Amino acid sequence: MEYIVCPRCRIGWVDKPYTIERYQHSGLAAAAHRALRAEHPSVAWHTGSGHVSSSKAFWVKVGDGVEGGYLPRKFCPHVARHGGVLPDWLLKQRGDL
């Protein structure tokens, strides 16, 4: 699983949750999402990309009752296109602070 959290916007994005086939449908990915939410309380969770048809049921299940619902959402201006929170000096230079 890959994720990024913007501390300014209190938004997190999760992508590419993957469990090897032998352990799929055993709840490991859902447990990883719960642990991530516990580590980052009061963050709305989304994905940075669209949901492929075979994973839509998964996202609905793990998103039930979660602020943001793991719906696709573009990165905020504080997060680089390929992940990572941008440094304050760059945000000031760009006028985003």
C-alpha atoms as a PDB file:
ATOM      1  CA  MET A   1       0.000   0.000   0.000  1.00  0.00           C
ATOM      2  CA  GLU A   2       1.218   3.480  -0.839  1.00  0.00           C
ATOM      3  CA  TYR A   3      -0.078   6.546   0.975  1.00  0.00           C
ATOM      4  CA  ILE A   4       0.539  10.242   1.542  1.00  0.00           C
ATOM      5  CA  VAL A   5      -1.015  12.565   4.127  1.00  0.00           C
ATOM      6  CA  CYS A   6      -1.195  16.341   3.792  1.00  0.00           C
ATOM      7  CA  PRO A   7      -0.921  17.706   7.343  1.00  0.00           C
ATOM      8  CA  ARG A   8      -2.234  21.101   6.217  1.00  0.00           C
ATOM      9  CA  CYS A   9      -5.441  19.831   4.597  1.00  0.00           C
ATOM     10  CA  ARG A  10      -5.869  16.754   6.849  1.00  0.00           C
ATOM     11  CA  ILE A  11      -6.421  14.616   3.753  1.00  0.00           C
ATOM     12  CA  GLY A  12      -4.797  11.267   3.050  1.00  0.00           C
ATOM     13  CA  TRP A  13      -4.555   9.365  -0.216  1.00  0.00           C
ATOM     14  CA  VAL A  14      -4.084   5.609  -0.439  1.00  0.00           C
ATOM     15  CA  ASP A  15      -3.276   3.637  -3.557  1.00  0.00           C
ATOM     16  CA  LYS A  16      -2.117   0.194  -4.569  1.00  0.00           C
ATOM     17  CA  PRO A  17      -3.256  -1.899  -1.619  1.00  0.00           C
ATOM     18  CA  TYR A  18      -2.055  -5.340  -2.546  1.00  0.00           C
ATOM     19  CA  THR A  19      -1.992  -8.692  -0.842  1.00  0.00           C
ATOM     20  CA  ILE A  20      -0.411 -11.701  -2.508  1.00  0.00           C
ATOM     21  CA  GLU A  21      -3.015 -14.069  -3.879  1.00  0.00           C
ATOM     22  CA  ARG A  22      -2.529 -16.659  -1.142  1.00  0.00           C
ATOM     23  CA  TYR A  23      -3.713 -14.135   1.495  1.00  0.00           C
ATOM     24  CA  GLN A  24      -6.342 -12.240  -0.492  1.00  0.00           C
ATOM     25  CA  HIS A  25      -9.840 -12.100   1.035  1.00  0.00           C
ATOM     26  CA  SER A  26      -8.422 -12.727   4.517  1.00  0.00           C
ATOM     27  CA  GLY A  27      -8.854  -9.169   5.781  1.00  0.00           C
ATOM     28  CA  LEU A  28      -5.189  -8.137   5.688  1.00  0.00           C
ATOM     29  CA  ALA A  29      -5.699  -5.118   3.419  1.00  0.00           C
ATOM     30  CA  ALA A  30      -8.680  -3.928   5.468  1.00  0.00           C
ATOM     31  CA  ALA A  31      -6.589  -4.323   8.647  1.00  0.00           C
ATOM     32  CA  ALA A  32      -3.792  -2.277   7.072  1.00  0.00           C
ATOM     33  CA  HIS A  33      -6.275   0.499   6.285  1.00  0.00           C
ATOM     34  CA  ARG A  34      -7.594   0.453   9.864  1.00  0.00           C
ATOM     35  CA  ALA A  35      -4.023   0.689  11.214  1.00  0.00           C
ATOM     36  CA  LEU A  36      -3.258   3.599   8.893  1.00  0.00           C
ATOM     37  CA  ARG A  37      -6.389   5.459  10.003  1.00  0.00           C
ATOM     38  CA  ALA A  38      -5.485   4.842  13.655  1.00  0.00           C
ATOM     39  CA  GLU A  39      -2.005   6.254  13.020  1.00  0.00           C
ATOM     40  CA  HIS A  40      -3.507   9.356  11.363  1.00  0.00           C
ATOM     41  CA  PRO A  41      -6.745  10.206  13.215  1.00  0.00           C
ATOM     42  CA  SER A  42      -9.097  12.896  11.893  1.00  0.00           C
ATOM     43  CA  VAL A  43      -7.840  12.576   8.322  1.00  0.00           C
ATOM     44  CA  ALA A  44     -10.268  12.222   5.400  1.00  0.00           C
ATOM     45  CA  TRP A  45      -9.140   9.327   3.202  1.00  0.00           C
ATOM     46  CA  HIS A  46      -9.267   9.162  -0.583  1.00  0.00           C
ATOM     47  CA  THR A  47      -7.463   7.464  -3.430  1.00  0.00           C
ATOM     48  CA  GLY A  48      -5.289   9.321  -5.902  1.00  0.00           C
ATOM     49  CA  SER A  49      -6.398   7.252  -8.853  1.00  0.00           C
ATOM     50  CA  GLY A  50      -9.565   5.704 -10.176  1.00  0.00           C
ATOM     51  CA  HIS A  51     -10.859   2.366  -8.991  1.00  0.00           C
ATOM     52  CA  VAL A  52     -10.562  -0.537 -11.394  1.00  0.00           C
ATOM     53  CA  SER A  53     -13.792  -2.498 -11.700  1.00  0.00           C
ATOM     54  CA  SER A  54     -12.391  -5.541  -9.896  1.00  0.00           C
ATOM     55  CA  SER A  55     -11.544  -3.453  -6.799  1.00  0.00           C
ATOM     56  CA  LYS A  56     -14.711  -1.352  -6.460  1.00  0.00           C
ATOM     57  CA  ALA A  57     -16.285  -3.711  -3.905  1.00  0.00           C
ATOM     58  CA  PHE A  58     -13.101  -3.581  -1.817  1.00  0.00           C
ATOM     59  CA  TRP A  59     -13.066   0.243  -1.741  1.00  0.00           C
ATOM     60  CA  VAL A  60     -16.766   0.356  -0.824  1.00  0.00           C
ATOM     61  CA  LYS A  61     -16.180  -2.087   2.024  1.00  0.00           C
ATOM     62  CA  VAL A  62     -13.098  -0.395   3.527  1.00  0.00           C
ATOM     63  CA  GLY A  63     -14.609   3.056   2.952  1.00  0.00           C
ATOM     64  CA  ASP A  64     -17.824   2.366   4.848  1.00  0.00           C
ATOM     65  CA  GLY A  65     -18.046   4.923   7.655  1.00  0.00           C
ATOM     66  CA  VAL A  66     -14.678   6.501   6.769  1.00  0.00           C
ATOM     67  CA  GLU A  67     -14.550  10.246   6.194  1.00  0.00           C
ATOM     68  CA  GLY A  68     -13.738  10.670   2.510  1.00  0.00           C
ATOM     69  CA  GLY A  69     -14.887   7.110   1.790  1.00  0.00           C
ATOM     70  CA  TYR A  70     -11.733   6.350  -0.234  1.00  0.00           C
ATOM     71  CA  LEU A  71     -13.305   8.050  -3.225  1.00  0.00           C
ATOM     72  CA  PRO A  72     -10.899   9.248  -5.926  1.00  0.00           C
ATOM     73  CA  ARG A  73      -9.677  12.811  -5.343  1.00  0.00           C
ATOM     74  CA  LYS A  74      -6.918  14.901  -6.882  1.00  0.00           C
ATOM     75  CA  PHE A  75      -3.950  15.838  -4.717  1.00  0.00           C
ATOM     76  CA  CYS A  76      -4.128  19.164  -2.911  1.00  0.00           C
ATOM     77  CA  PRO A  77      -1.584  21.865  -3.929  1.00  0.00           C
ATOM     78  CA  HIS A  78       0.682  20.889  -1.004  1.00  0.00           C
ATOM     79  CA  VAL A  79       1.345  17.402  -2.348  1.00  0.00           C
ATOM     80  CA  ALA A  80       3.601  16.675  -5.309  1.00  0.00           C
ATOM     81  CA  ARG A  81       2.061  14.926  -8.289  1.00  0.00           C
ATOM     82  CA  HIS A  82       4.050  11.760  -7.550  1.00  0.00           C
ATOM     83  CA  GLY A  83       3.582  11.896  -3.785  1.00  0.00           C
ATOM     84  CA  GLY A  84       5.394  13.679  -1.001  1.00  0.00           C
ATOM     85  CA  VAL A  85       4.470  16.870   0.812  1.00  0.00           C
ATOM     86  CA  LEU A  86       6.163  19.863  -0.769  1.00  0.00           C
ATOM     87  CA  PRO A  87       8.536  21.922   1.425  1.00  0.00           C
ATOM     88  CA  ASP A  88       7.375  25.296   2.736  1.00  0.00           C
ATOM     89  CA  TRP A  89       9.988  27.204   0.711  1.00  0.00           C
ATOM     90  CA  LEU A  90       8.626  25.791  -2.546  1.00  0.00           C
ATOM     91  CA  LEU A  91       5.002  26.393  -1.554  1.00  0.00           C
ATOM     92  CA  LYS A  92       5.872  30.033  -0.732  1.00  0.00           C
ATOM     93  CA  GLN A  93       7.710  30.390  -4.042  1.00  0.00           C
ATOM     94  CA  ARG A  94       4.663  29.034  -5.888  1.00  0.00           C
ATOM     95  CA  GLY A  95       2.295  31.224  -3.855  1.00  0.00           C
ATOM     96  CA  ASP A  96       0.460  28.298  -2.248  1.00  0.00           C
ATOM     97  CA  LEU A  97       1.201  29.468   1.320  1.00  0.00           C
END
